[in-house]
Amino acid sequence: MNDSEKVTVICIAYNHERWIEETLESVKQQDYYAKELIVIDNGSTDNTAEIIRNWANKSAGYLPVQTFFYKEMQPYCRLFNEFLNKVGGQYLVDLSGDDVLYPEHLSISVRGLRNAPFAAFVFSDAYIIDEKSEVRTFYQRNSAGELKEEIELANIYETLIRRNFICSPTMVFNTAILRKEGGYDENLYYEDFDIQIRLARNYPVIFSDHIGVLKRKHARSMSAAQYDRYQSQMLPSTVKVCSKIQLMNIYPEENKALGERILFELKHALWSGNFEPAKELVQMGENLGLKSPKFWLYRLWAKKKWDISWLYVKLT
């Protein structure tokens, strides 16, 4: 297999026994021929590891598969980087053990990256399925399946600061660029906000108008715990990323976008009773010169530590 054509899929699974086999099958069923799969069980306490072993034994003849099993959970970003530094393929996918790739996702994505060799990654649309089995697309589409909003890439860095704009499971990376930029920040609990920002700051990125992934949204998914009451593990990392953005920003419009992000994250930090991250966000907002009535209210809320997180739990 030629490394210049190869896609490496790194699948890190943790307690994904309900979904892992379907996830792995979706890699096997890709119509792109030059692929390899690395499957890592990150210390699962359910039957995930055994399912991976059985699947790999049955499927090894269909594509190159390597499996690794950890007795204890490792920090996600560090674990991913460990394998990033070993792979030789030109393109790379970070696949969760509960998501599914549609059969043409790799071939369409690689085609886009070949036409844009300096792009850091390509992203696409996804179906999002919740615990009630209700399905929607990540980007809004009309009855004809057309995007309601143009995917504007000229200001993608600023857009990513302002709001969550990319469905991270759809991303296919240029491996060399990702490795050059140091992979994921190992000081963070989660990776997607930071890596999208850092790569979009320094490289072009491209969008492919296809639905490439089925992403599951459930109570045990990492994103569901973003604003956990009192003890969010993700919010402190979000604060760190916002601090990094402030150092990367060049133009006033980018600082304005960061101000909007800070207000959004501050609102959720306060509502969920995460007062330490809220305190840091207030300080950052003051450094940016935020002066809106909303910010002054949030600043007072953070100072007084009014705890109405019980209501936040009910509303969400």
Protein backbone atom coordinates (compact mmCIF):
# COMPACT_ATOMS: atom_id res chain seq x y z
CA MET A 1 0.00 0.00 0.00
CA ASN A 2 1.40 3.40 -1.02
CA ASP A 3 1.67 5.75 1.98
CA SER A 4 0.95 8.73 -0.27
CA GLU A 5 -2.56 7.33 -0.83
CA LYS A 6 -3.20 5.66 2.52
CA VAL A 7 -5.82 6.72 5.05
CA THR A 8 -5.18 5.67 8.64
CA VAL A 9 -8.26 5.46 10.86
CA ILE A 10 -7.46 5.64 14.58
CA CYS A 11 -10.44 4.42 16.59
CA ILE A 12 -10.23 4.95 20.36
CA ALA A 13 -13.04 3.18 22.20
CA TYR A 14 -14.16 3.35 25.82
CA ASN A 15 -17.21 1.43 27.05
CA HIS A 16 -18.69 1.39 23.56
CA GLU A 17 -19.92 -2.22 23.55
CA ARG A 18 -23.31 -1.17 22.12
CA TRP A 19 -21.81 0.45 19.05
CA ILE A 20 -18.19 -0.58 18.48
CA GLU A 21 -18.86 -3.41 16.04
CA GLU A 22 -20.96 -1.17 13.79
CA THR A 23 -18.24 1.48 13.97
CA LEU A 24 -15.52 -0.94 12.91
CA GLU A 25 -17.69 -2.44 10.17
CA SER A 26 -18.18 1.06 8.76
CA VAL A 27 -14.42 1.37 8.28
CA LYS A 28 -14.24 -2.02 6.60
CA GLN A 29 -17.09 -1.08 4.25
CA GLN A 30 -15.40 2.07 2.97
CA ASP A 31 -15.11 2.07 -0.81
CA TYR A 32 -11.65 3.64 -0.52
CA TYR A 33 -9.13 0.85 -0.97
CA ALA A 34 -5.93 2.28 0.59
CA LYS A 35 -6.93 2.23 4.25
CA GLU A 36 -5.72 0.82 7.53
CA LEU A 37 -7.33 0.68 10.95
CA ILE A 38 -5.82 1.07 14.40
CA VAL A 39 -8.26 0.15 17.19
CA ILE A 40 -7.48 1.08 20.79
CA ASP A 41 -9.53 0.02 23.77
CA ASN A 42 -8.88 2.70 26.37
CA GLY A 43 -9.45 0.71 29.55
CA SER A 44 -13.10 -0.21 29.00
CA THR A 45 -14.91 -1.81 31.91
CA ASP A 46 -17.62 -3.40 29.74
CA ASN A 47 -17.34 -5.93 26.90
CA THR A 48 -15.82 -3.52 24.35
CA ALA A 49 -12.37 -5.14 24.33
CA GLU A 50 -13.73 -8.64 23.67
CA ILE A 51 -15.92 -7.38 20.82
CA ILE A 52 -12.89 -5.67 19.26
CA ARG A 53 -10.85 -8.88 19.49
CA ASN A 54 -13.58 -10.98 17.89
CA TRP A 55 -14.19 -8.46 15.13
CA ALA A 56 -10.49 -8.10 14.34
CA ASN A 57 -10.04 -11.88 14.12
CA LYS A 58 -12.88 -12.10 11.59
CA SER A 59 -11.97 -9.01 9.58
CA ALA A 60 -8.18 -9.01 9.37
CA GLY A 61 -8.31 -10.36 5.80
CA TYR A 62 -10.35 -7.39 4.58
CA LEU A 63 -8.03 -4.55 5.65
CA PRO A 64 -4.89 -4.07 7.73
CA VAL A 65 -5.97 -3.96 11.40
CA GLN A 66 -3.90 -3.37 14.52
CA THR A 67 -5.43 -3.63 18.00
CA PHE A 68 -4.18 -2.30 21.32
CA PHE A 69 -5.68 -2.80 24.77
CA TYR A 70 -5.06 -0.68 27.86
CA LYS A 71 -5.93 -1.88 31.35
CA GLU A 72 -6.52 1.67 32.59
CA MET A 73 -7.93 4.72 30.83
CA GLN A 74 -5.30 7.02 29.34
CA PRO A 75 -5.73 10.78 28.69
CA TYR A 76 -7.31 10.98 25.26
CA CYS A 77 -5.08 13.62 23.67
CA ARG A 78 -1.88 11.96 24.84
CA LEU A 79 -3.05 8.54 23.68
CA PHE A 80 -4.01 9.83 20.24
CA ASN A 81 -0.63 11.57 19.82
CA GLU A 82 1.18 8.36 20.71
CA PHE A 83 -0.31 6.70 17.65
CA LEU A 84 -0.21 9.81 15.45
CA ASN A 85 3.58 9.74 15.76
CA LYS A 86 3.71 6.14 14.49
CA VAL A 87 1.46 6.21 11.41
CA GLY A 88 2.77 6.71 7.90
CA GLY A 89 -0.39 7.40 5.91
CA GLN A 90 -0.96 10.68 4.11
CA TYR A 91 -4.43 11.12 5.63
CA LEU A 92 -5.83 10.47 9.07
CA VAL A 93 -9.22 10.03 10.76
CA ASP A 94 -9.89 10.22 14.50
CA LEU A 95 -12.93 7.96 14.92
CA SER A 96 -14.84 7.52 18.16
CA GLY A 97 -16.02 4.03 19.04
CA ASP A 98 -19.67 5.10 18.88
CA ASP A 99 -19.74 6.88 15.49
CA VAL A 100 -20.22 5.45 12.00
CA LEU A 101 -18.63 6.36 8.67
CA TYR A 102 -20.78 6.20 5.54
CA PRO A 103 -19.25 4.11 2.73
CA GLU A 104 -18.04 6.95 0.48
CA HIS A 105 -16.78 9.26 3.22
CA LEU A 106 -13.08 8.50 2.85
CA SER A 107 -13.01 8.48 -0.95
CA ILE A 108 -14.87 11.80 -1.26
CA SER A 109 -12.81 13.44 1.49
CA VAL A 110 -9.48 12.28 0.06
CA ARG A 111 -10.49 13.54 -3.37
CA GLY A 112 -10.97 16.98 -1.84
CA LEU A 113 -7.62 16.91 -0.06
CA ARG A 114 -5.80 15.82 -3.22
CA ASN A 115 -7.19 18.88 -4.96
CA ALA A 116 -6.04 21.08 -2.06
CA PRO A 117 -2.66 19.67 -0.96
CA PHE A 118 -1.92 22.55 1.41
CA ALA A 119 -5.19 22.16 3.34
CA ALA A 120 -4.92 20.92 6.93
CA PHE A 121 -8.20 19.02 6.84
CA VAL A 122 -11.48 18.52 5.05
CA PHE A 123 -14.82 18.43 6.87
CA SER A 124 -18.36 17.55 5.80
CA ASP A 125 -21.91 17.23 7.10
CA ALA A 126 -23.18 14.53 9.45
CA TYR A 127 -26.34 12.96 10.70
CA ILE A 128 -26.78 13.44 14.46
CA ILE A 129 -28.85 10.76 16.19
CA ASP A 130 -30.01 11.18 19.78
CA GLU A 131 -31.17 8.65 22.38
CA LYS A 132 -34.74 8.87 21.09
CA SER A 133 -33.47 7.84 17.63
CA GLU A 134 -34.38 11.24 16.25
CA VAL A 135 -32.08 12.24 13.42
CA ARG A 136 -31.06 15.63 12.06
CA THR A 137 -28.23 16.93 9.93
CA PHE A 138 -25.48 18.94 11.57
CA TYR A 139 -26.01 21.76 9.05
CA GLN A 140 -29.56 22.84 8.32
CA ARG A 141 -30.84 21.73 4.93
CA ASN A 142 -34.04 22.44 3.02
CA SER A 143 -36.51 19.85 1.77
CA ALA A 144 -34.39 19.32 -1.35
CA GLY A 145 -31.36 18.49 0.80
CA GLU A 146 -29.57 21.74 -0.02
CA LEU A 147 -27.65 23.67 2.62
CA LYS A 148 -29.57 26.62 4.03
CA GLU A 149 -26.36 28.43 4.98
CA GLU A 150 -23.33 28.79 2.75
CA ILE A 151 -20.21 27.29 4.30
CA GLU A 152 -17.99 30.36 4.21
CA LEU A 153 -14.32 29.43 4.52
CA ALA A 154 -12.68 32.83 4.04
CA ASN A 155 -13.20 33.73 7.72
CA ILE A 156 -13.29 30.20 9.11
CA TYR A 157 -10.88 31.01 11.96
CA GLU A 158 -13.12 33.81 13.19
CA THR A 159 -16.23 31.65 12.75
CA LEU A 160 -14.72 28.82 14.80
CA ILE A 161 -13.91 31.23 17.62
CA ARG A 162 -17.49 32.46 17.69
CA ARG A 163 -19.36 29.15 17.54
CA ASN A 164 -19.08 25.40 17.11
CA PHE A 165 -19.18 25.22 13.34
CA ILE A 166 -17.51 21.93 12.39
CA CYS A 167 -18.72 18.44 13.27
CA SER A 168 -15.38 17.02 14.36
CA PRO A 169 -16.03 13.31 13.51
CA THR A 170 -16.28 14.29 9.82
CA MET A 171 -12.74 15.66 9.71
CA VAL A 172 -10.07 13.95 7.61
CA PHE A 173 -6.62 15.36 8.36
CA ASN A 174 -3.50 15.87 6.32
CA THR A 175 -1.29 13.73 8.57
CA ALA A 176 1.95 15.61 7.91
CA ILE A 177 0.40 18.96 8.85
CA LEU A 178 -1.27 17.57 11.97
CA ARG A 179 2.02 16.05 13.09
CA LYS A 180 3.97 19.22 12.27
CA GLU A 181 1.62 21.22 14.51
CA GLY A 182 2.20 18.83 17.40
CA GLY A 183 -1.06 16.91 17.19
CA TYR A 184 -3.50 17.41 20.02
CA ASP A 185 -2.64 19.60 23.00
CA GLU A 186 -1.97 17.07 25.77
CA ASN A 187 -2.77 19.65 28.46
CA LEU A 188 -6.43 19.58 27.40
CA TYR A 189 -9.21 17.19 28.33
CA TYR A 190 -10.72 17.29 24.84
CA GLU A 191 -9.28 18.10 21.45
CA ASP A 192 -11.62 19.35 18.74
CA PHE A 193 -12.10 23.03 19.61
CA ASP A 194 -8.36 23.59 19.98
CA ILE A 195 -7.14 21.65 16.96
CA GLN A 196 -9.69 23.23 14.63
CA ILE A 197 -8.68 26.71 15.80
CA ARG A 198 -4.93 26.12 15.58
CA LEU A 199 -5.05 24.58 12.12
CA ALA A 200 -7.50 27.15 10.74
CA ARG A 201 -5.21 29.95 11.97
CA ASN A 202 -2.29 28.74 9.86
CA TYR A 203 -3.68 26.65 6.99
CA PRO A 204 -6.56 26.54 4.53
CA VAL A 205 -9.31 24.03 5.26
CA ILE A 206 -11.94 22.72 2.88
CA PHE A 207 -15.58 21.67 3.05
CA SER A 208 -17.13 18.76 1.17
CA ASP A 209 -20.90 18.90 0.73
CA HIS A 210 -21.67 15.30 1.59
CA ILE A 211 -23.00 13.56 4.70
CA GLY A 212 -20.08 11.45 5.80
CA VAL A 213 -20.74 10.37 9.38
CA LEU A 214 -23.47 9.25 11.75
CA LYS A 215 -22.65 10.85 15.11
CA ARG A 216 -24.36 9.55 18.22
CA LYS A 217 -25.44 11.97 20.92
CA HIS A 218 -26.09 10.14 24.17
CA ALA A 219 -25.72 10.65 27.91
CA ARG A 220 -22.30 8.99 28.06
CA SER A 221 -20.76 10.88 25.15
CA MET A 222 -18.03 13.37 26.00
CA SER A 223 -19.94 16.33 24.60
CA ALA A 224 -22.91 15.56 26.87
CA ALA A 225 -20.69 16.29 29.89
CA GLN A 226 -19.48 19.66 28.64
CA TYR A 227 -21.37 21.61 31.32
CA ASP A 228 -21.65 19.06 34.11
CA ARG A 229 -22.96 20.61 37.30
CA TYR A 230 -20.14 21.87 39.58
CA GLN A 231 -17.38 19.70 38.10
CA SER A 232 -17.21 19.98 34.33
CA GLN A 233 -13.96 18.42 33.10
CA MET A 234 -14.32 20.16 29.76
CA LEU A 235 -14.83 23.78 30.84
CA PRO A 236 -11.29 24.26 32.23
CA SER A 237 -9.94 23.10 28.86
CA THR A 238 -12.30 25.48 27.06
CA VAL A 239 -10.90 28.32 29.17
CA LYS A 240 -7.35 27.31 28.21
CA VAL A 241 -8.26 27.29 24.52
CA CYS A 242 -9.84 30.76 24.81
CA SER A 243 -6.65 31.98 26.43
CA LYS A 244 -4.62 30.54 23.55
CA ILE A 245 -6.95 32.20 21.04
CA GLN A 246 -6.35 35.57 22.65
CA LEU A 247 -2.63 35.13 21.99
CA MET A 248 -3.22 34.02 18.38
CA ASN A 249 -5.65 36.80 17.47
CA ILE A 250 -4.43 39.54 15.15
CA TYR A 251 -7.48 41.59 14.13
CA PRO A 252 -10.13 43.41 16.19
CA GLU A 253 -12.86 41.27 14.58
CA GLU A 254 -11.20 38.16 16.00
CA ASN A 255 -11.19 39.63 19.51
CA LYS A 256 -14.85 40.55 19.06
CA ALA A 257 -15.57 36.93 18.13
CA LEU A 258 -13.65 35.78 21.22
CA GLY A 259 -15.75 38.12 23.34
CA GLU A 260 -18.89 36.42 22.02
CA ARG A 261 -17.44 33.00 22.81
CA ILE A 262 -16.49 34.08 26.33
CA LEU A 263 -20.01 35.33 27.01
CA PHE A 264 -21.46 32.04 25.77
CA GLU A 265 -19.13 29.85 27.84
CA LEU A 266 -19.48 32.15 30.86
CA LYS A 267 -23.25 31.84 30.77
CA HIS A 268 -23.09 28.05 30.86
CA ALA A 269 -20.33 28.00 33.47
CA LEU A 270 -22.44 30.16 35.80
CA TRP A 271 -25.70 28.33 35.20
CA SER A 272 -24.00 24.98 35.88
CA GLY A 273 -22.24 26.19 39.03
CA ASN A 274 -18.71 25.92 37.63
CA PHE A 275 -17.47 29.08 39.35
CA GLU A 276 -13.71 28.61 39.00
CA PRO A 277 -13.80 28.48 35.17
CA ALA A 278 -16.33 31.33 35.31
CA LYS A 279 -13.87 33.43 37.32
CA GLU A 280 -11.17 32.89 34.68
CA LEU A 281 -13.57 33.74 31.86
CA VAL A 282 -14.54 36.98 33.64
CA GLN A 283 -10.88 37.92 33.91
CA MET A 284 -10.39 37.20 30.23
CA GLY A 285 -13.44 39.28 29.36
CA GLU A 286 -12.07 42.19 31.37
CA ASN A 287 -8.75 41.90 29.53
CA LEU A 288 -10.65 42.11 26.25
CA GLY A 289 -12.52 45.17 27.44
CA LEU A 290 -16.01 43.66 27.50
CA LYS A 291 -18.47 46.22 28.85
CA SER A 292 -21.95 45.04 27.90
CA PRO A 293 -24.72 44.89 30.54
CA LYS A 294 -24.76 41.11 30.09
CA PHE A 295 -21.05 40.88 30.93
CA TRP A 296 -21.44 43.09 34.01
CA LEU A 297 -24.29 40.86 35.20
CA TYR A 298 -22.19 37.75 34.66
CA ARG A 299 -19.26 39.35 36.49
CA LEU A 300 -21.46 40.09 39.50
CA TRP A 301 -22.93 36.57 39.37
CA ALA A 302 -19.44 35.04 39.37
CA LYS A 303 -18.39 37.25 42.29
CA LYS A 304 -21.45 36.41 44.39
CA LYS A 305 -21.49 32.75 43.30
CA TRP A 306 -25.26 32.58 43.06
CA ASP A 307 -25.98 28.89 42.69
CA ILE A 308 -29.07 28.10 40.61
CA SER A 309 -27.54 25.05 38.96
CA TRP A 310 -30.49 22.94 40.12
CA LEU A 311 -32.61 24.89 37.66
CA TYR A 312 -30.02 24.45 34.89
CA VAL A 313 -30.17 20.67 35.37
CA LYS A 314 -33.96 20.75 35.05
CA LEU A 315 -33.90 22.93 31.94
CA THR A 316 -31.31 20.85 30.15
